[in-house]
């Protein structure tokens, strides 16, 4: 963990705070210019990743500043719009390309990162196999910080894990294409008309620098199925929020999404 002085308890008391997320299993709070988040058993691995990104001057990741008296990690607060506001930023093709370029830039920044073999990630995997990097693992528009139409930050690194770069690409494409029906795109994902998913996959591939789109639909479906397995595994281990997701039927929803993708390949290829 970077040896950066953490704010004193006295200074924290005088700083304004704001609750950014408050669920039964996770409370995220902004304190001054920092964000306080709960840790996980695999947080040491995530902290090593953030330390590497700071060393290589990757400008989009928050700096890790330490751990507070409550055991929460202290991160630099990145000013801008994120969460639900992120969806609208990738509807137009300029935003979609910027989204893809951000992922490309992250993959370049992490290409030479070789974490210690004693660090375990959320998947339980501890080492990188040939061809793998440490993927972000949750690269959706909600985890990008935007200022206007420009991405300026990448947050929520809890699900970083060793995988091939294609894992992040496919995960992002599920939401960027998107692999959702027209009704959801119009009602919830900020589209004014049904998206041309085939075109959007090509635009994303171009922005990232891929030579083409061959195999991407299969990769998205594979990642959707992997996500079902991971959520189930973490729930079986008693991890939250996965236990709650399973109880609320979210696992069935994830399975339905993969089934939709398999049934609607004609819209995607």
Protein backbone atom coordinates (compact mmCIF):
# COMPACT_ATOMS: atom_id res chain seq x y z
CA UNK A 1 0.00 0.00 0.00
CA UNK A 2 1.36 3.46 -0.82
CA UNK A 3 2.81 5.19 2.21
CA UNK A 4 0.75 8.33 1.95
CA UNK A 5 -0.21 10.11 5.17
CA UNK A 6 -3.87 9.56 6.00
CA UNK A 7 -6.06 12.37 7.31
CA UNK A 8 -6.02 12.68 11.08
CA UNK A 9 -9.18 11.92 13.02
CA UNK A 10 -9.32 15.57 14.08
CA UNK A 11 -9.21 16.84 10.48
CA UNK A 12 -11.79 14.27 9.40
CA UNK A 13 -14.25 15.56 11.96
CA UNK A 14 -14.08 19.03 10.40
CA UNK A 15 -14.54 17.82 6.81
CA UNK A 16 -17.91 17.62 5.14
CA UNK A 17 -19.18 14.12 4.43
CA UNK A 18 -21.72 12.76 1.94
CA UNK A 19 -23.12 9.25 1.66
CA UNK A 20 -22.60 8.09 -1.93
CA UNK A 21 -24.07 4.62 -1.52
CA UNK A 22 -25.93 3.08 1.37
CA UNK A 23 -27.14 -0.49 1.05
CA UNK A 24 -27.53 -3.18 3.72
CA UNK A 25 -24.14 -4.55 2.73
CA UNK A 26 -22.11 -1.56 1.60
CA UNK A 27 -21.87 2.05 2.68
CA UNK A 28 -19.66 4.36 0.63
CA UNK A 29 -19.00 7.82 1.97
CA UNK A 30 -17.23 10.88 0.67
CA UNK A 31 -15.20 12.68 3.34
CA UNK A 32 -13.65 15.89 2.07
CA UNK A 33 -11.67 14.99 -1.04
CA UNK A 34 -11.60 11.29 -0.22
CA UNK A 35 -13.93 8.32 -0.60
CA UNK A 36 -14.25 5.70 2.15
CA UNK A 37 -15.24 2.19 1.09
CA UNK A 38 -15.43 -1.17 2.87
CA UNK A 39 -12.68 -3.67 2.16
CA UNK A 40 -12.84 -7.32 1.12
CA UNK A 41 -10.56 -10.28 1.82
CA UNK A 42 -8.99 -9.68 -1.61
CA UNK A 43 -8.51 -5.92 -1.12
CA UNK A 44 -4.70 -6.27 -0.69
CA UNK A 45 -4.52 -7.44 -4.30
CA UNK A 46 -6.65 -4.51 -5.48
CA UNK A 47 -4.46 -2.13 -3.49
CA UNK A 48 -1.36 -3.54 -5.17
CA UNK A 49 -3.00 -2.91 -8.55
CA UNK A 50 -3.83 0.69 -7.66
CA UNK A 51 -0.25 1.16 -6.48
CA UNK A 52 1.03 -0.03 -9.85
CA UNK A 53 -1.30 2.31 -11.72
CA UNK A 54 -0.02 5.22 -9.63
CA UNK A 55 3.57 4.25 -10.40
CA UNK A 56 2.96 4.20 -14.16
CA UNK A 57 1.00 7.48 -13.95
CA UNK A 58 -2.26 6.06 -15.27
CA UNK A 59 -4.36 9.21 -14.85
CA UNK A 60 -7.81 7.65 -14.54
CA UNK A 61 -7.49 5.53 -11.37
CA UNK A 62 -8.02 7.01 -7.91
CA UNK A 63 -4.97 7.06 -5.66
CA UNK A 64 -5.09 4.78 -2.66
CA UNK A 65 -4.40 6.88 0.44
CA UNK A 66 -4.57 4.23 3.15
CA UNK A 67 -7.08 2.67 5.54
CA UNK A 68 -9.02 4.65 8.16
CA UNK A 69 -9.74 3.85 11.81
CA UNK A 70 -12.92 2.01 10.80
CA UNK A 71 -11.00 -0.29 8.46
CA UNK A 72 -12.30 1.38 5.31
CA UNK A 73 -10.01 2.01 2.38
CA UNK A 74 -9.36 5.69 1.67
CA UNK A 75 -9.35 6.64 -1.99
CA UNK A 76 -8.89 9.92 -3.81
CA UNK A 77 -12.25 11.34 -4.87
CA UNK A 78 -12.54 11.86 -8.63
CA UNK A 79 -14.81 14.77 -9.48
CA UNK A 80 -17.41 14.15 -12.18
CA UNK A 81 -20.51 12.14 -13.06
CA UNK A 82 -20.73 8.37 -12.65
CA UNK A 83 -23.27 5.71 -11.75
CA UNK A 84 -26.55 5.99 -13.67
CA UNK A 85 -25.31 9.16 -15.36
CA UNK A 86 -22.73 7.09 -17.22
CA UNK A 87 -25.26 5.30 -19.40
CA UNK A 88 -26.17 8.36 -21.43
CA UNK A 89 -22.50 9.14 -22.15
CA UNK A 90 -21.99 6.06 -24.34
CA UNK A 91 -25.17 6.33 -26.42
CA UNK A 92 -23.56 8.50 -29.10
CA UNK A 93 -20.62 7.09 -31.03
CA UNK A 94 -18.10 9.64 -29.77
CA UNK A 95 -18.81 8.61 -26.20
CA UNK A 96 -18.72 4.94 -27.19
CA UNK A 97 -15.28 5.36 -28.77
CA UNK A 98 -14.02 7.24 -25.73
CA UNK A 99 -15.29 4.40 -23.53
CA UNK A 100 -13.40 1.86 -25.63
CA UNK A 101 -10.21 3.95 -25.68
CA UNK A 102 -10.27 4.21 -21.89
CA UNK A 103 -10.32 0.42 -21.63
CA UNK A 104 -7.48 0.17 -24.16
CA UNK A 105 -5.43 2.69 -22.17
CA UNK A 106 -6.02 0.77 -18.94
CA UNK A 107 -4.93 -2.50 -20.55
CA UNK A 108 -1.74 -0.84 -21.78
CA UNK A 109 -1.04 0.56 -18.32
CA UNK A 110 -1.44 -2.82 -16.64
CA UNK A 111 0.30 -4.92 -19.29
CA UNK A 112 3.53 -5.29 -17.30
CA UNK A 113 1.96 -5.61 -13.84
CA UNK A 114 2.93 -8.89 -12.21
CA UNK A 115 1.32 -9.13 -8.78
CA UNK A 116 2.80 -11.22 -6.02
CA UNK A 117 1.65 -14.83 -6.13
CA UNK A 118 0.46 -14.60 -2.51
CA UNK A 119 -2.26 -12.10 -3.47
CA UNK A 120 -5.68 -13.62 -4.16
CA UNK A 121 -8.38 -11.85 -6.18
CA UNK A 122 -12.16 -12.01 -5.97
CA UNK A 123 -12.14 -15.14 -8.12
CA UNK A 124 -9.71 -16.86 -5.75
CA UNK A 125 -7.10 -16.99 -8.51
CA UNK A 126 -3.65 -15.87 -7.38
CA UNK A 127 -1.44 -15.98 -10.49
CA UNK A 128 -1.55 -14.76 -14.07
CA UNK A 129 -1.40 -17.33 -16.85
CA UNK A 130 0.30 -16.60 -20.20
CA UNK A 131 -1.68 -14.00 -22.13
CA UNK A 132 -3.48 -12.68 -19.06
CA UNK A 133 -3.47 -9.29 -17.39
CA UNK A 134 -5.31 -8.02 -14.33
CA UNK A 135 -8.64 -7.00 -15.83
CA UNK A 136 -10.81 -4.33 -14.23
CA UNK A 137 -13.57 -6.91 -14.00
CA UNK A 138 -16.50 -4.48 -13.83
CA UNK A 139 -15.89 -2.15 -16.78
CA UNK A 140 -19.35 -0.67 -17.27
CA UNK A 141 -20.37 2.93 -18.00
CA UNK A 142 -21.50 3.32 -14.37
CA UNK A 143 -17.91 2.86 -13.19
CA UNK A 144 -16.48 5.55 -15.44
CA UNK A 145 -16.30 9.14 -14.17
CA UNK A 146 -17.30 11.62 -16.84
CA UNK A 147 -16.94 15.37 -17.22
CA UNK A 148 -19.24 16.33 -20.02
CA UNK A 149 -18.59 13.81 -22.82
CA UNK A 150 -15.05 13.03 -21.65
CA UNK A 151 -14.10 10.12 -19.38
CA UNK A 152 -11.77 11.29 -16.61
CA UNK A 153 -11.78 8.39 -14.16
CA UNK A 154 -12.29 4.68 -13.65
CA UNK A 155 -13.58 3.51 -10.26
CA UNK A 156 -14.80 0.48 -8.29
CA UNK A 157 -11.91 -1.95 -8.65
CA UNK A 158 -13.29 -4.61 -6.26
CA UNK A 159 -13.76 -7.22 -8.97
CA UNK A 160 -10.39 -6.89 -10.69
CA UNK A 161 -9.05 -10.33 -11.54
CA UNK A 162 -6.52 -12.14 -13.75
CA UNK A 163 -8.02 -12.84 -17.16
CA UNK A 164 -7.36 -12.32 -20.84
CA UNK A 165 -7.97 -8.73 -22.03
CA UNK A 166 -10.91 -10.10 -24.02
CA UNK A 167 -12.75 -10.60 -20.73
CA UNK A 168 -12.94 -6.84 -20.09
CA UNK A 169 -13.74 -6.16 -23.74
CA UNK A 170 -16.62 -8.62 -23.75
CA UNK A 171 -17.92 -7.44 -20.37
CA UNK A 172 -17.95 -3.84 -21.60
CA UNK A 173 -19.64 -4.77 -24.88
CA UNK A 174 -22.55 -6.42 -23.09
CA UNK A 175 -23.50 -2.95 -21.86
CA UNK A 176 -22.16 -0.87 -24.74
CA UNK A 177 -23.79 -2.73 -27.65
CA UNK A 178 -25.99 -3.36 -25.59
CA UNK A 179 -26.98 -7.02 -25.29
CA UNK A 180 -30.48 -6.04 -24.16
CA UNK A 181 -33.87 -5.91 -25.84
CA UNK A 182 -35.21 -2.74 -27.43
CA UNK A 183 -37.69 -2.05 -24.63
CA UNK A 184 -34.93 -1.94 -22.01
CA UNK A 185 -32.72 0.20 -24.23
CA UNK A 186 -35.47 2.78 -24.68
CA UNK A 187 -36.85 2.73 -21.16
CA UNK A 188 -33.72 2.46 -19.03
CA UNK A 189 -30.51 2.85 -21.05
CA UNK A 190 -31.13 6.34 -22.45
CA UNK A 191 -31.55 5.41 -26.13
CA UNK A 192 -33.93 7.52 -28.21
CA UNK A 193 -34.41 4.69 -30.73
CA UNK A 194 -33.48 1.00 -30.90
CA UNK A 195 -29.69 0.74 -31.20
CA UNK A 196 -27.84 -0.73 -34.17
CA UNK A 197 -25.99 -3.25 -32.05
CA UNK A 198 -23.88 -4.62 -34.89
CA UNK A 199 -22.69 -1.12 -35.74
CA UNK A 200 -21.95 -0.30 -32.09
CA UNK A 201 -19.86 -3.43 -31.64
CA UNK A 202 -17.81 -2.36 -34.68
CA UNK A 203 -17.40 1.20 -33.34
CA UNK A 204 -16.22 -0.11 -29.97
CA UNK A 205 -13.78 -2.49 -31.65
CA UNK A 206 -12.39 0.38 -33.72
CA UNK A 207 -12.02 2.62 -30.67
CA UNK A 208 -10.18 -0.08 -28.73
CA UNK A 209 -7.97 -0.92 -31.71
CA UNK A 210 -9.18 -4.44 -32.44
CA UNK A 211 -8.64 -5.72 -36.00
CA UNK A 212 -12.30 -6.69 -36.35
CA UNK A 213 -15.35 -8.04 -34.56
CA UNK A 214 -14.99 -11.77 -35.20
CA UNK A 215 -15.62 -13.78 -32.05
CA UNK A 216 -16.84 -10.90 -29.93
CA UNK A 217 -20.45 -12.07 -29.62
CA UNK A 218 -19.29 -15.51 -28.45
CA UNK A 219 -16.93 -13.79 -25.98
CA UNK A 220 -19.78 -11.72 -24.51
CA UNK A 221 -21.95 -14.80 -24.04
CA UNK A 222 -19.04 -16.62 -22.39
CA UNK A 223 -18.51 -13.73 -19.96
CA UNK A 224 -22.23 -13.63 -19.18
CA UNK A 225 -22.06 -17.31 -18.27
CA UNK A 226 -18.87 -16.80 -16.24
CA UNK A 227 -20.62 -14.02 -14.31
CA UNK A 228 -23.46 -16.39 -13.41
CA UNK A 229 -20.91 -18.87 -12.07
CA UNK A 230 -18.94 -16.23 -10.13
CA UNK A 231 -22.02 -14.73 -8.48
CA UNK A 232 -23.17 -18.19 -7.46
CA UNK A 233 -19.75 -19.09 -6.10
CA UNK A 234 -19.42 -15.89 -4.05
CA UNK A 235 -22.93 -16.36 -2.70
CA UNK A 236 -22.05 -19.91 -1.65
CA UNK A 237 -19.08 -18.43 0.24
CA UNK A 238 -21.43 -16.09 2.10
CA UNK A 239 -20.20 -12.95 0.33
CA UNK A 240 -22.41 -9.90 0.02
CA UNK A 241 -24.06 -8.52 -2.03
CA UNK A 242 -24.04 -11.83 -3.93
CA UNK A 243 -26.03 -13.65 -1.21
CA UNK A 244 -28.72 -10.97 -1.47
CA UNK A 245 -28.65 -11.06 -5.27
CA UNK A 246 -29.33 -14.78 -5.31
CA UNK A 247 -32.11 -14.44 -2.73
CA UNK A 248 -33.72 -11.68 -4.82
CA UNK A 249 -33.63 -13.73 -8.03
CA UNK A 250 -30.79 -11.80 -9.65
CA UNK A 251 -29.03 -15.02 -10.66
CA UNK A 252 -32.08 -15.99 -12.72
CA UNK A 253 -31.95 -12.57 -14.36
CA UNK A 254 -28.30 -13.10 -15.29
CA UNK A 255 -29.14 -16.47 -16.83
CA UNK A 256 -31.98 -14.85 -18.79
CA UNK A 257 -29.59 -12.25 -20.19
CA UNK A 258 -27.26 -14.94 -21.51
CA UNK A 259 -30.24 -16.76 -23.02
CA UNK A 260 -31.38 -13.52 -24.73
CA UNK A 261 -27.91 -13.10 -26.25
CA UNK A 262 -27.89 -16.65 -27.62
CA UNK A 263 -31.40 -16.22 -29.06
CA UNK A 264 -30.73 -12.84 -30.74
CA UNK A 265 -27.39 -13.32 -32.45
CA UNK A 266 -28.96 -11.98 -35.67
CA UNK A 267 -29.06 -8.52 -34.06
CA UNK A 268 -25.42 -8.69 -33.06
CA UNK A 269 -23.42 -10.33 -35.88
